[in-house]
Amino acid sequence: MILNISGVVLLGTVVFLFCRKDGLKGSHATVCGLFGFYLSSTAIAPSIKAGGQSLAGLLGGLNF
């Protein structure tokens, strides 16, 4: 659950920065959000989730 919330916060921050710095319009951000919402209900959603968890595990295992 914590990984999901932090992922949403991270992606929301990226979209916000794109809106402020790179000229991403609010309508584009809305379309991106709707795309993600509808993508989560498709058959590919478990693969995307597994890939995200794998990437989070990889990044969590890095030591600096």
PDB file of N, CA and C in Angstrom:
ATOM      1  N   MET A   1       0.819  -1.195   0.000  1.00  0.00           N
ATOM      2  CA  MET A   1       0.000   0.000   0.000  1.00  0.00           C
ATOM      3  C   MET A   1       0.860   1.255   0.000  1.00  0.00           C
ATOM      4  N   ILE A   2       1.936   1.250   0.786  1.00  0.00           N
ATOM      5  CA  ILE A   2       2.811   2.419   0.849  1.00  0.00           C
ATOM      6  C   ILE A   2       3.465   2.661  -0.503  1.00  0.00           C
ATOM      7  N   LEU A   3       3.835   1.586  -1.194  1.00  0.00           N
ATOM      8  CA  LEU A   3       4.449   1.723  -2.513  1.00  0.00           C
ATOM      9  C   LEU A   3       3.468   2.353  -3.487  1.00  0.00           C
ATOM     10  N   ASN A   4       2.205   1.980  -3.421  1.00  0.00           N
ATOM     11  CA  ASN A   4       1.195   2.559  -4.311  1.00  0.00           C
ATOM     12  C   ASN A   4       1.020   4.047  -4.054  1.00  0.00           C
ATOM     13  N   ILE A   5       0.954   4.429  -2.776  1.00  0.00           N
ATOM     14  CA  ILE A   5       0.761   5.835  -2.438  1.00  0.00           C
ATOM     15  C   ILE A   5       1.971   6.652  -2.856  1.00  0.00           C
ATOM     16  N   SER A   6       3.168   6.157  -2.581  1.00  0.00           N
ATOM     17  CA  SER A   6       4.361   6.918  -2.957  1.00  0.00           C
ATOM     18  C   SER A   6       4.508   6.983  -4.473  1.00  0.00           C
ATOM     19  N   GLY A   7       4.101   5.950  -5.176  1.00  0.00           N
ATOM     20  CA  GLY A   7       4.131   5.990  -6.633  1.00  0.00           C
ATOM     21  C   GLY A   7       3.166   7.026  -7.180  1.00  0.00           C
ATOM     22  N   VAL A   8       1.989   7.109  -6.592  1.00  0.00           N
ATOM     23  CA  VAL A   8       1.005   8.097  -7.019  1.00  0.00           C
ATOM     24  C   VAL A   8       1.516   9.507  -6.729  1.00  0.00           C
ATOM     25  N   VAL A   9       2.122   9.693  -5.560  1.00  0.00           N
ATOM     26  CA  VAL A   9       2.668  11.005  -5.217  1.00  0.00           C
ATOM     27  C   VAL A   9       3.803  11.373  -6.166  1.00  0.00           C
ATOM     28  N   LEU A  10       4.682  10.427  -6.458  1.00  0.00           N
ATOM     29  CA  LEU A  10       5.797  10.693  -7.371  1.00  0.00           C
ATOM     30  C   LEU A  10       5.295  11.052  -8.763  1.00  0.00           C
ATOM     31  N   LEU A  11       4.390  10.258  -9.310  1.00  0.00           N
ATOM     32  CA  LEU A  11       3.875  10.532 -10.644  1.00  0.00           C
ATOM     33  C   LEU A  11       3.048  11.816 -10.676  1.00  0.00           C
ATOM     34  N   GLY A  12       2.320  12.078  -9.616  1.00  0.00           N
ATOM     35  CA  GLY A  12       1.581  13.334  -9.534  1.00  0.00           C
ATOM     36  C   GLY A  12       2.511  14.535  -9.507  1.00  0.00           C
ATOM     37  N   THR A  13       3.626  14.402  -8.809  1.00  0.00           N
ATOM     38  CA  THR A  13       4.625  15.472  -8.776  1.00  0.00           C
ATOM     39  C   THR A  13       5.237  15.691 -10.148  1.00  0.00           C
ATOM     40  N   VAL A  14       5.530  14.609 -10.852  1.00  0.00           N
ATOM     41  CA  VAL A  14       6.096  14.722 -12.195  1.00  0.00           C
ATOM     42  C   VAL A  14       5.125  15.434 -13.129  1.00  0.00           C
ATOM     43  N   VAL A  15       3.844  15.054 -13.067  1.00  0.00           N
ATOM     44  CA  VAL A  15       2.838  15.707 -13.909  1.00  0.00           C
ATOM     45  C   VAL A  15       2.724  17.182 -13.534  1.00  0.00           C
ATOM     46  N   PHE A  16       2.751  17.482 -12.241  1.00  0.00           N
ATOM     47  CA  PHE A  16       2.690  18.876 -11.799  1.00  0.00           C
ATOM     48  C   PHE A  16       3.880  19.674 -12.329  1.00  0.00           C
ATOM     49  N   LEU A  17       5.082  19.100 -12.236  1.00  0.00           N
ATOM     50  CA  LEU A  17       6.261  19.795 -12.744  1.00  0.00           C
ATOM     51  C   LEU A  17       6.200  19.980 -14.253  1.00  0.00           C
ATOM     52  N   PHE A  18       5.692  18.987 -14.960  1.00  0.00           N
ATOM     53  CA  PHE A  18       5.520  19.140 -16.402  1.00  0.00           C
ATOM     54  C   PHE A  18       4.540  20.276 -16.712  1.00  0.00           C
ATOM     55  N   CYS A  19       3.481  20.369 -15.916  1.00  0.00           N
ATOM     56  CA  CYS A  19       2.508  21.451 -16.123  1.00  0.00           C
ATOM     57  C   CYS A  19       3.153  22.809 -15.890  1.00  0.00           C
ATOM     58  N   ARG A  20       3.977  22.916 -14.873  1.00  0.00           N
ATOM     59  CA  ARG A  20       4.571  24.198 -14.507  1.00  0.00           C
ATOM     60  C   ARG A  20       5.781  24.568 -15.363  1.00  0.00           C
ATOM     61  N   LYS A  21       6.646  23.611 -15.658  1.00  0.00           N
ATOM     62  CA  LYS A  21       7.920  23.920 -16.302  1.00  0.00           C
ATOM     63  C   LYS A  21       7.944  23.656 -17.802  1.00  0.00           C
ATOM     64  N   ASP A  22       7.357  22.560 -18.242  1.00  0.00           N
ATOM     65  CA  ASP A  22       7.498  22.135 -19.633  1.00  0.00           C
ATOM     66  C   ASP A  22       6.284  22.435 -20.497  1.00  0.00           C
ATOM     67  N   GLY A  23       5.320  23.134 -19.964  1.00  0.00           N
ATOM     68  CA  GLY A  23       4.188  23.531 -20.770  1.00  0.00           C
ATOM     69  C   GLY A  23       3.125  22.460 -20.973  1.00  0.00           C
ATOM     70  N   LEU A  24       3.071  21.459 -20.113  1.00  0.00           N
ATOM     71  CA  LEU A  24       2.006  20.460 -20.202  1.00  0.00           C
ATOM     72  C   LEU A  24       0.707  21.116 -19.758  1.00  0.00           C
ATOM     73  N   LYS A  25      -0.255  21.091 -20.586  1.00  0.00           N
ATOM     74  CA  LYS A  25      -1.529  21.726 -20.270  1.00  0.00           C
ATOM     75  C   LYS A  25      -2.355  20.822 -19.356  1.00  0.00           C
ATOM     76  N   GLY A  26      -3.276  21.438 -18.659  1.00  0.00           N
ATOM     77  CA  GLY A  26      -4.149  20.690 -17.761  1.00  0.00           C
ATOM     78  C   GLY A  26      -4.945  19.622 -18.478  1.00  0.00           C
ATOM     79  N   SER A  27      -5.357  19.915 -19.707  1.00  0.00           N
ATOM     80  CA  SER A  27      -6.115  18.927 -20.471  1.00  0.00           C
ATOM     81  C   SER A  27      -5.255  17.715 -20.810  1.00  0.00           C
ATOM     82  N   HIS A  28      -3.964  17.949 -21.076  1.00  0.00           N
ATOM     83  CA  HIS A  28      -3.064  16.825 -21.350  1.00  0.00           C
ATOM     84  C   HIS A  28      -2.879  15.972 -20.096  1.00  0.00           C
ATOM     85  N   ALA A  29      -2.732  16.623 -18.946  1.00  0.00           N
ATOM     86  CA  ALA A  29      -2.601  15.891 -17.695  1.00  0.00           C
ATOM     87  C   ALA A  29      -3.859  15.073 -17.401  1.00  0.00           C
ATOM     88  N   THR A  30      -5.020  15.629 -17.718  1.00  0.00           N
ATOM     89  CA  THR A  30      -6.277  14.910 -17.511  1.00  0.00           C
ATOM     90  C   THR A  30      -6.348  13.683 -18.409  1.00  0.00           C
ATOM     91  N   VAL A  31      -5.950  13.841 -19.659  1.00  0.00           N
ATOM     92  CA  VAL A  31      -5.944  12.710 -20.587  1.00  0.00           C
ATOM     93  C   VAL A  31      -4.979  11.633 -20.095  1.00  0.00           C
ATOM     94  N   CYS A  32      -3.805  12.036 -19.606  1.00  0.00           N
ATOM     95  CA  CYS A  32      -2.840  11.067 -19.075  1.00  0.00           C
ATOM     96  C   CYS A  32      -3.424  10.317 -17.878  1.00  0.00           C
ATOM     97  N   GLY A  33      -4.104  11.045 -17.000  1.00  0.00           N
ATOM     98  CA  GLY A  33      -4.727  10.421 -15.841  1.00  0.00           C
ATOM     99  C   GLY A  33      -5.826   9.444 -16.234  1.00  0.00           C
ATOM    100  N   LEU A  34      -6.658   9.851 -17.174  1.00  0.00           N
ATOM    101  CA  LEU A  34      -7.721   8.959 -17.643  1.00  0.00           C
ATOM    102  C   LEU A  34      -7.145   7.726 -18.333  1.00  0.00           C
ATOM    103  N   PHE A  35      -6.061   7.916 -19.103  1.00  0.00           N
ATOM    104  CA  PHE A  35      -5.409   6.785 -19.750  1.00  0.00           C
ATOM    105  C   PHE A  35      -4.923   5.787 -18.709  1.00  0.00           C
ATOM    106  N   GLY A  36      -4.275   6.286 -17.661  1.00  0.00           N
ATOM    107  CA  GLY A  36      -3.809   5.406 -16.592  1.00  0.00           C
ATOM    108  C   GLY A  36      -4.946   4.706 -15.884  1.00  0.00           C
ATOM    109  N   PHE A  37      -6.047   5.439 -15.677  1.00  0.00           N
ATOM    110  CA  PHE A  37      -7.215   4.860 -15.012  1.00  0.00           C
ATOM    111  C   PHE A  37      -7.796   3.715 -15.827  1.00  0.00           C
ATOM    112  N   TYR A  38      -7.955   3.935 -17.131  1.00  0.00           N
ATOM    113  CA  TYR A  38      -8.507   2.886 -17.978  1.00  0.00           C
ATOM    114  C   TYR A  38      -7.504   1.770 -18.232  1.00  0.00           C
ATOM    115  N   LEU A  39      -6.229   2.089 -18.266  1.00  0.00           N
ATOM    116  CA  LEU A  39      -5.205   1.070 -18.449  1.00  0.00           C
ATOM    117  C   LEU A  39      -5.175   0.107 -17.263  1.00  0.00           C
ATOM    118  N   SER A  40      -5.495   0.614 -16.079  1.00  0.00           N
ATOM    119  CA  SER A  40      -5.462  -0.231 -14.886  1.00  0.00           C
ATOM    120  C   SER A  40      -6.540  -1.305 -14.905  1.00  0.00           C
ATOM    121  N   SER A  41      -7.541  -1.159 -15.749  1.00  0.00           N
ATOM    122  CA  SER A  41      -8.603  -2.162 -15.808  1.00  0.00           C
ATOM    123  C   SER A  41      -8.440  -3.117 -16.990  1.00  0.00           C
ATOM    124  N   THR A  42      -7.299  -3.080 -17.666  1.00  0.00           N
ATOM    125  CA  THR A  42      -7.075  -3.974 -18.799  1.00  0.00           C
ATOM    126  C   THR A  42      -6.313  -5.220 -18.342  1.00  0.00           C
ATOM    127  N   ALA A  43      -6.107  -6.123 -19.279  1.00  0.00           N
ATOM    128  CA  ALA A  43      -5.409  -7.372 -18.974  1.00  0.00           C
ATOM    129  C   ALA A  43      -3.912  -7.162 -18.761  1.00  0.00           C
ATOM    130  N   ILE A  44      -3.367  -6.046 -19.218  1.00  0.00           N
ATOM    131  CA  ILE A  44      -1.935  -5.804 -19.074  1.00  0.00           C
ATOM    132  C   ILE A  44      -1.592  -5.199 -17.698  1.00  0.00           C
ATOM    133  N   ALA A  45      -2.599  -4.789 -16.931  1.00  0.00           N
ATOM    134  CA  ALA A  45      -2.363  -4.150 -15.637  1.00  0.00           C
ATOM    135  C   ALA A  45      -1.518  -5.002 -14.683  1.00  0.00           C
ATOM    136  N   PRO A  46      -1.748  -6.326 -14.547  1.00  0.00           N
ATOM    137  CA  PRO A  46      -0.898  -7.110 -13.646  1.00  0.00           C
ATOM    138  C   PRO A  46       0.574  -7.121 -14.074  1.00  0.00           C
ATOM    139  N   SER A  47       0.820  -7.107 -15.368  1.00  0.00           N
ATOM    140  CA  SER A  47       2.216  -7.070 -15.842  1.00  0.00           C
ATOM    141  C   SER A  47       2.872  -5.742 -15.508  1.00  0.00           C
ATOM    142  N   ILE A  48       2.137  -4.660 -15.661  1.00  0.00           N
ATOM    143  CA  ILE A  48       2.669  -3.338 -15.326  1.00  0.00           C
ATOM    144  C   ILE A  48       2.936  -3.255 -13.825  1.00  0.00           C
ATOM    145  N   LYS A  49       2.022  -3.777 -13.022  1.00  0.00           N
ATOM    146  CA  LYS A  49       2.201  -3.758 -11.571  1.00  0.00           C
ATOM    147  C   LYS A  49       3.408  -4.597 -11.159  1.00  0.00           C
ATOM    148  N   ALA A  50       3.565  -5.768 -11.766  1.00  0.00           N
ATOM    149  CA  ALA A  50       4.713  -6.628 -11.448  1.00  0.00           C
ATOM    150  C   ALA A  50       6.019  -5.944 -11.854  1.00  0.00           C
ATOM    151  N   GLY A  51       6.021  -5.264 -12.998  1.00  0.00           N
ATOM    152  CA  GLY A  51       7.212  -4.535 -13.425  1.00  0.00           C
ATOM    153  C   GLY A  51       7.551  -3.405 -12.472  1.00  0.00           C
ATOM    154  N   GLY A  52       6.546  -2.703 -12.005  1.00  0.00           N
ATOM    155  CA  GLY A  52       6.767  -1.624 -11.037  1.00  0.00           C
ATOM    156  C   GLY A  52       7.290  -2.143  -9.713  1.00  0.00           C
ATOM    157  N   GLN A  53       6.753  -3.270  -9.261  1.00  0.00           N
ATOM    158  CA  GLN A  53       7.234  -3.859  -8.019  1.00  0.00           C
ATOM    159  C   GLN A  53       8.659  -4.369  -8.167  1.00  0.00           C
ATOM    160  N   SER A  54       8.969  -4.926  -9.327  1.00  0.00           N
ATOM    161  CA  SER A  54      10.324  -5.392  -9.584  1.00  0.00           C
ATOM    162  C   SER A  54      11.314  -4.223  -9.590  1.00  0.00           C
ATOM    163  N   LEU A  55      10.929  -3.142 -10.230  1.00  0.00           N
ATOM    164  CA  LEU A  55      11.785  -1.954 -10.264  1.00  0.00           C
ATOM    165  C   LEU A  55      11.958  -1.366  -8.868  1.00  0.00           C
ATOM    166  N   ALA A  56      10.886  -1.335  -8.088  1.00  0.00           N
ATOM    167  CA  ALA A  56      10.971  -0.822  -6.711  1.00  0.00           C
ATOM    168  C   ALA A  56      11.873  -1.707  -5.868  1.00  0.00           C
ATOM    169  N   GLY A  57      11.795  -3.020  -6.049  1.00  0.00           N
ATOM    170  CA  GLY A  57      12.684  -3.931  -5.330  1.00  0.00           C
ATOM    171  C   GLY A  57      14.133  -3.743  -5.723  1.00  0.00           C
ATOM    172  N   LEU A  58      14.371  -3.521  -7.005  1.00  0.00           N
ATOM    173  CA  LEU A  58      15.730  -3.275  -7.489  1.00  0.00           C
ATOM    174  C   LEU A  58      16.288  -1.984  -6.906  1.00  0.00           C
ATOM    175  N   LEU A  59      15.496  -0.921  -6.938  1.00  0.00           N
ATOM    176  CA  LEU A  59      15.947   0.360  -6.406  1.00  0.00           C
ATOM    177  C   LEU A  59      16.088   0.316  -4.894  1.00  0.00           C
ATOM    178  N   GLY A  60      15.220  -0.453  -4.231  1.00  0.00           N
ATOM    179  CA  GLY A  60      15.316  -0.593  -2.784  1.00  0.00           C
ATOM    180  C   GLY A  60      16.541  -1.362  -2.338  1.00  0.00           C
ATOM    181  N   GLY A  61      17.065  -2.217  -3.215  1.00  0.00           N
ATOM    182  CA  GLY A  61      18.233  -3.014  -2.867  1.00  0.00           C
ATOM    183  C   GLY A  61      19.560  -2.321  -3.144  1.00  0.00           C
ATOM    184  N   LEU A  62      19.521  -1.136  -3.762  1.00  0.00           N
ATOM    185  CA  LEU A  62      20.755  -0.416  -4.040  1.00  0.00           C
ATOM    186  C   LEU A  62      21.310   0.233  -2.794  1.00  0.00           C
ATOM    187  N   ASN A  63      22.595   0.133  -2.616  1.00  0.00           N
ATOM    188  CA  ASN A  63      23.272   0.770  -1.485  1.00  0.00           C
ATOM    189  C   ASN A  63      24.236   1.800  -2.009  1.00  0.00           C
ATOM    190  N   PHE A  64      24.172   2.982  -1.448  1.00  0.00           N
ATOM    191  CA  PHE A  64      25.057   4.055  -1.876  1.00  0.00           C
ATOM    192  C   PHE A  64      26.165   4.264  -0.901  1.00  0.00           C
TER     193      PHE A  64
END
